[in-house]
Structures are given as structure tokens and as C-alpha cells.
Protein backbone atom coordinates (compact mmCIF):
# COMPACT_ATOMS: atom_id res chain seq x y z
CA MET A 1 -24.33 8.99 8.12
CA ASP A 2 -23.20 8.24 11.67
CA ASN A 3 -21.28 5.18 10.44
CA GLU A 4 -19.67 7.19 7.64
CA GLN A 5 -18.50 9.82 10.12
CA LYS A 6 -17.17 7.16 12.48
CA THR A 7 -15.10 5.32 9.87
CA GLY A 8 -13.71 8.59 8.54
CA GLU A 9 -12.50 9.55 12.00
CA ASN A 10 -10.83 6.20 12.65
CA CYS A 11 -8.65 5.89 9.55
CA TRP A 12 -5.16 4.49 10.19
CA ILE A 13 -2.23 4.99 7.81
CA VAL A 14 0.34 2.17 7.64
CA ILE A 15 3.80 2.91 6.22
CA ALA A 16 6.54 0.32 5.70
CA ALA A 17 9.91 2.06 5.89
CA TYR A 18 13.47 0.89 5.29
CA ASN A 19 16.28 3.47 5.37
CA GLU A 20 13.87 6.35 4.74
CA GLU A 21 15.46 8.91 7.09
CA LYS A 22 15.65 11.51 4.28
CA LYS A 23 11.93 11.44 3.42
CA ILE A 24 9.89 9.97 6.25
CA SER A 25 9.45 13.24 8.21
CA GLN A 26 8.16 15.02 5.10
CA VAL A 27 5.72 12.17 4.39
CA ILE A 28 4.36 12.22 7.95
CA GLU A 29 4.05 16.01 7.98
CA GLY A 30 2.08 15.83 4.72
CA LEU A 31 -0.31 13.30 6.23
CA LYS A 32 -0.78 15.40 9.37
CA ALA A 33 -1.49 18.46 7.23
CA GLU A 34 -4.44 16.50 5.82
CA HIS A 35 -5.56 15.71 9.41
CA TYR A 36 -4.54 12.04 9.48
CA ASN A 37 -3.11 11.48 12.93
CA ASN A 38 -3.21 7.68 13.33
CA ILE A 39 0.05 7.07 11.46
CA ILE A 40 1.99 3.83 11.95
CA VAL A 41 5.52 3.61 10.60
CA VAL A 42 7.02 0.14 10.65
CA ASP A 43 10.78 0.59 10.67
CA ASP A 44 11.86 -2.57 8.89
CA GLY A 45 15.35 -2.99 10.33
CA SER A 46 16.67 0.32 8.99
CA LYS A 47 20.38 1.06 9.31
CA ASP A 48 19.84 4.83 9.41
CA ASN A 49 17.75 7.10 11.67
CA THR A 50 14.34 6.29 10.15
CA LYS A 51 12.90 5.34 13.55
CA THR A 52 13.98 8.54 15.30
CA ALA A 53 12.89 10.77 12.41
CA ALA A 54 9.45 9.15 12.29
CA GLN A 55 8.98 9.47 16.04
CA LYS A 56 10.01 13.14 16.01
CA ALA A 57 7.53 13.80 13.20
CA GLY A 58 4.74 12.38 15.37
CA ALA A 59 4.15 8.86 14.06
CA MET A 60 3.71 5.70 16.10
CA VAL A 61 6.76 3.57 15.28
CA LEU A 62 7.00 -0.21 15.34
CA HIS A 63 10.42 -1.75 14.83
CA HIS A 64 11.69 -4.91 13.15
CA ILE A 65 15.12 -5.84 14.48
CA ILE A 66 16.10 -7.17 11.04
CA ASN A 67 14.97 -6.23 7.54
CA ARG A 68 12.12 -8.63 6.79
CA GLY A 69 10.67 -6.95 3.70
CA GLN A 70 7.79 -4.68 2.80
CA GLY A 71 5.15 -7.41 3.01
CA ALA A 72 6.13 -8.33 6.55
CA ALA A 73 6.28 -4.67 7.59
CA LEU A 74 2.81 -3.97 6.24
CA LYS A 75 1.43 -7.02 8.02
CA THR A 76 2.92 -5.80 11.30
CA GLY A 77 1.35 -2.38 10.80
CA ILE A 78 -2.04 -3.70 9.69
CA ASP A 79 -2.21 -6.09 12.64
CA PHE A 80 -1.41 -3.21 15.02
CA ALA A 81 -4.10 -1.01 13.47
CA LEU A 82 -6.66 -3.81 13.81
CA GLN A 83 -5.68 -4.33 17.45
CA ASN A 84 -6.41 -0.64 17.99
CA ASN A 85 -9.88 -0.88 16.44
CA ALA A 86 -9.17 0.84 13.14
CA ASP A 87 -12.20 1.17 10.87
CA ILE A 88 -10.22 1.91 7.69
CA ILE A 89 -6.58 1.01 6.99
CA VAL A 90 -4.62 2.79 4.27
CA THR A 91 -1.23 1.56 3.06
CA PHE A 92 1.03 4.43 2.02
CA ASP A 93 4.59 4.59 0.69
CA ALA A 94 7.48 6.06 2.67
CA ASP A 95 9.38 7.60 -0.25
CA GLY A 96 7.09 10.51 -1.13
CA GLN A 97 5.54 8.98 -4.26
CA HIS A 98 1.98 9.10 -2.91
CA GLN A 99 -0.12 12.22 -2.39
CA PRO A 100 -1.73 12.66 1.07
CA GLU A 101 -4.54 14.79 -0.38
CA GLU A 102 -5.67 11.79 -2.46
CA ILE A 103 -6.39 9.61 0.58
CA LYS A 104 -9.91 11.06 0.75
CA ASN A 105 -10.56 9.66 -2.75
CA ILE A 106 -9.26 6.24 -1.68
CA ILE A 107 -11.40 6.00 1.45
CA ASP A 108 -14.58 7.66 0.16
CA PRO A 109 -16.08 4.49 -1.43
CA ILE A 110 -15.41 2.66 1.85
CA LYS A 111 -16.96 5.40 3.98
CA LYS A 112 -20.06 5.20 1.79
CA GLY A 113 -20.27 1.45 2.40
CA GLU A 114 -19.89 0.64 -1.30
CA TYR A 115 -16.64 -1.37 -1.24
CA GLU A 116 -14.42 -3.29 1.19
CA ALA A 117 -11.15 -2.53 -0.61
CA VAL A 118 -10.08 0.37 -2.80
CA LEU A 119 -6.97 0.11 -4.94
CA GLY A 120 -5.07 3.04 -6.41
CA SER A 121 -4.32 3.08 -10.14
CA ARG A 122 -1.78 5.33 -11.83
CA PHE A 123 -3.32 4.55 -15.23
CA LEU A 124 -6.96 5.62 -14.84
CA GLU A 125 -5.80 9.21 -15.28
CA LYS A 126 -2.59 10.37 -16.96
CA LYS A 127 -1.09 12.30 -14.05
CA SER A 128 1.79 10.01 -13.08
CA ASN A 129 5.23 10.39 -14.66
CA VAL A 130 5.63 6.66 -15.22
CA SER A 131 8.14 5.38 -17.77
CA TRP A 132 6.90 3.39 -20.76
CA HIS A 133 8.72 0.20 -19.73
CA ARG A 134 7.36 0.33 -16.17
CA GLU A 135 3.87 0.96 -17.55
CA LEU A 136 4.24 -2.04 -19.87
CA LEU A 137 5.27 -4.34 -17.01
CA LEU A 138 2.52 -3.13 -14.67
CA LYS A 139 -0.16 -3.52 -17.31
CA ALA A 140 1.19 -6.99 -18.18
CA GLY A 141 0.91 -7.82 -14.48
CA ALA A 142 -2.69 -6.61 -14.44
CA ALA A 143 -3.49 -8.77 -17.46
CA MET A 144 -1.88 -11.76 -15.75
CA MET A 145 -3.90 -11.19 -12.56
CA LYS A 146 -7.05 -11.28 -14.68
CA GLN A 147 -5.99 -14.57 -16.27
CA LEU A 148 -4.89 -16.20 -13.03
CA TYR A 149 -7.49 -14.95 -10.57
CA GLY A 150 -10.23 -13.18 -12.53
CA ILE A 151 -9.55 -9.82 -10.89
CA HIS A 152 -9.97 -6.89 -13.29
CA LEU A 153 -7.38 -4.13 -12.79
CA THR A 154 -5.49 -1.48 -14.74
CA ASP A 155 -2.53 -1.35 -12.30
CA SER A 156 -1.04 -4.47 -10.74
CA HIS A 157 1.43 -3.30 -8.08
CA ASN A 158 0.24 -0.06 -6.51
CA GLY A 159 0.99 0.30 -2.80
CA PHE A 160 -1.64 3.02 -2.28
CA ARG A 161 -4.75 1.14 -1.13
CA ALA A 162 -7.41 1.05 1.59
CA PHE A 163 -9.34 -1.68 3.39
CA THR A 164 -12.17 -1.91 5.85
CA ALA A 165 -11.21 -3.63 9.09
CA GLN A 166 -13.32 -6.61 8.00
CA ALA A 167 -11.45 -6.91 4.69
CA ALA A 168 -8.06 -6.50 6.38
CA ASN A 169 -8.96 -9.30 8.77
CA LYS A 170 -9.63 -11.57 5.79
CA LEU A 171 -6.13 -11.05 4.39
CA ASP A 172 -3.78 -13.81 5.46
CA LEU A 173 -0.49 -12.33 4.28
CA GLN A 174 2.42 -14.77 4.16
CA ALA A 175 4.80 -13.12 1.69
CA ASP A 176 7.44 -11.05 3.48
CA ARG A 177 8.81 -9.18 0.50
CA MET A 178 7.46 -7.54 -2.66
CA THR A 179 5.36 -10.52 -3.76
CA HIS A 180 2.91 -9.44 -1.04
CA ALA A 181 1.36 -7.07 -3.61
CA SER A 182 0.28 -9.97 -5.81
CA GLU A 183 -0.76 -11.95 -2.72
CA ILE A 184 -3.13 -9.16 -1.66
CA LEU A 185 -4.79 -9.12 -5.07
CA GLU A 186 -5.05 -12.90 -5.11
CA GLN A 187 -6.80 -12.90 -1.74
CA ILE A 188 -9.16 -10.10 -2.74
CA ALA A 189 -10.25 -12.31 -5.64
CA LYS A 190 -10.38 -15.60 -3.70
CA LYS A 191 -12.22 -14.20 -0.70
CA ASN A 192 -14.70 -12.20 -2.77
CA ILE A 193 -13.74 -8.88 -1.22
CA ALA A 194 -15.67 -6.13 -3.01
CA TYR A 195 -13.08 -3.83 -4.58
CA LYS A 196 -12.76 -0.77 -6.76
CA GLU A 197 -9.88 1.06 -8.45
CA VAL A 198 -9.62 4.85 -8.20
CA PRO A 199 -7.16 7.19 -9.91
CA VAL A 200 -4.07 8.19 -7.93
CA THR A 201 -0.99 10.17 -8.84
CA ILE A 202 2.40 8.51 -8.45
CA THR A 203 5.23 11.05 -8.51
CA TYR A 204 8.54 9.47 -9.43
CA THR A 205 11.67 11.32 -8.35
CA ASP A 206 15.34 10.39 -8.55
CA TYR A 207 15.11 9.46 -4.87
CA SER A 208 12.04 7.23 -5.20
CA LEU A 209 13.39 5.54 -8.32
CA GLU A 210 16.66 4.80 -6.54
CA LYS A 211 14.80 3.44 -3.51
CA GLY A 212 11.99 1.69 -5.33
CA GLN A 213 11.45 -1.52 -7.16
CA SER A 214 13.36 -1.90 -10.43
CA SER A 215 11.71 -3.06 -13.64
CA THR A 216 13.81 -6.24 -13.45
CA ALA A 217 12.51 -6.92 -9.94
CA ALA A 218 8.95 -6.32 -11.13
CA PHE A 219 9.44 -8.91 -13.88
CA SER A 220 10.83 -11.39 -11.33
CA ILE A 221 7.77 -10.90 -9.14
CA LEU A 222 5.47 -11.46 -12.11
CA TRP A 223 7.33 -14.67 -13.03
CA SER A 224 7.22 -15.90 -9.42
CA MET A 225 3.48 -15.30 -9.36
CA ILE A 226 2.99 -17.38 -12.51
CA LYS A 227 5.17 -20.24 -11.20
CA SER A 228 3.35 -20.24 -7.87
CA LYS A 229 -0.01 -20.57 -9.58
CA LEU A 230 1.15 -23.33 -11.95
CA LEU A 231 2.76 -25.41 -9.19
CA ARG A 232 -0.35 -25.56 -7.00
């Protein structure tokens, strides 16, 4: 019980942000309303006022001088959380798609000592307003991850996830951009990190769809993952 209380109190939220001035304050305020105060925003070379908005909202802000990509930004944030003795690290999107009140569901299996990594899935419950073509691509990606690495998932590229410090230390992330999502899953499988999926709600808005990854980009990532595996 003491360990469960300790890890719950030392949960760090890592947010990769690029040109998210319009939404980042709202995202941080939502997290603070749920009593998460260790919030790291990695401003990935934004050309707008993302950095200032995040600081004013009360987040710790790390800054990339140039835009390196979401994978690189998450690595910067995760490394910083580990340096500050985080017990649990949660990756959370900057565009308002994720629900702060669902973090407790993501970290609960970790707090109980049951799993080292917990991955959000928008398909375990039908609460997300995901389009049919995006659902098809994501489920195809999950099927491919099973074939390539033996990891059983329903959702292949969900940025809402949590790790123990020990699991985060095992992740050797090299991919700077969106292929980091597949890289994380590959390493979970290869390094035998105990994982579980839990239902999460992804809320797509015009803003998040404009900012987010296109279906074409998702297909490109899937193809790159296949080529990478075949060429090894």
C-alpha cells in the first residue's frame, strides 16, 4: 500500500507540443484539475507562443530549438522525468484528444504492481468518434505488430500510455518522428515489458484532425515498419 501511494503521488505527464498555442493551456488546466502537477511540455521548435502559453498555465517547459519530431520530444520529456525520479510516466497529447480524468485508469494497473506498461486503446470500448478508414488502418497496424513482434493489441498508434520508471529506462528510443510509436511497441515486445491495454476515449475535433496524423501518413508509417523489419 505504501508503494502504491508513493507511485501515485510521483506521476509525471509528458506532452510533446508543436505549434499548440491554441490548446496547450486548456490541456494543462485539465490535468491540474485532476491534481496532476508534474507536467512537462516539450516545445518542439514551435513557431507560435506554445512555450509561453504552457509556462503561464503552470507546466515545466523544455525547448527544442528546431522541430525534431514527436518521438524526439517525448524522449526529451521522458529523460527529464526519469532524472527527477518519476515513478510513473504518462505520455499525453497536446491537442485535446485525450481525457485527463482517464489517467487514473491508465496508471491504476501500474500502481497495483501488475504491469510495467499500460497502453490506451480507443477500440476496447466504443466511445471514440474515430472514422472507419482510420479504424481500419489502426487495426491493420495492430495485426501487423502481432505478426512482426508477437505483441497482441487492438490499437497500434495510441499516444496515451504509461510506464514505470524501470520500463521507461528500458526504452531506447531512436526514432525522432511518428515511427516512435511502432518503436515503443517493438521494444515492449523485445524487452519483455509486461503490458496491458485499457479503454480510453479519443475525441477528434476539427482542430485535432487538422493538427494530427493523416491516414496517408499512418499508412506510410506502417509500410516503413514492415520494410525495417524485413531489411534486418
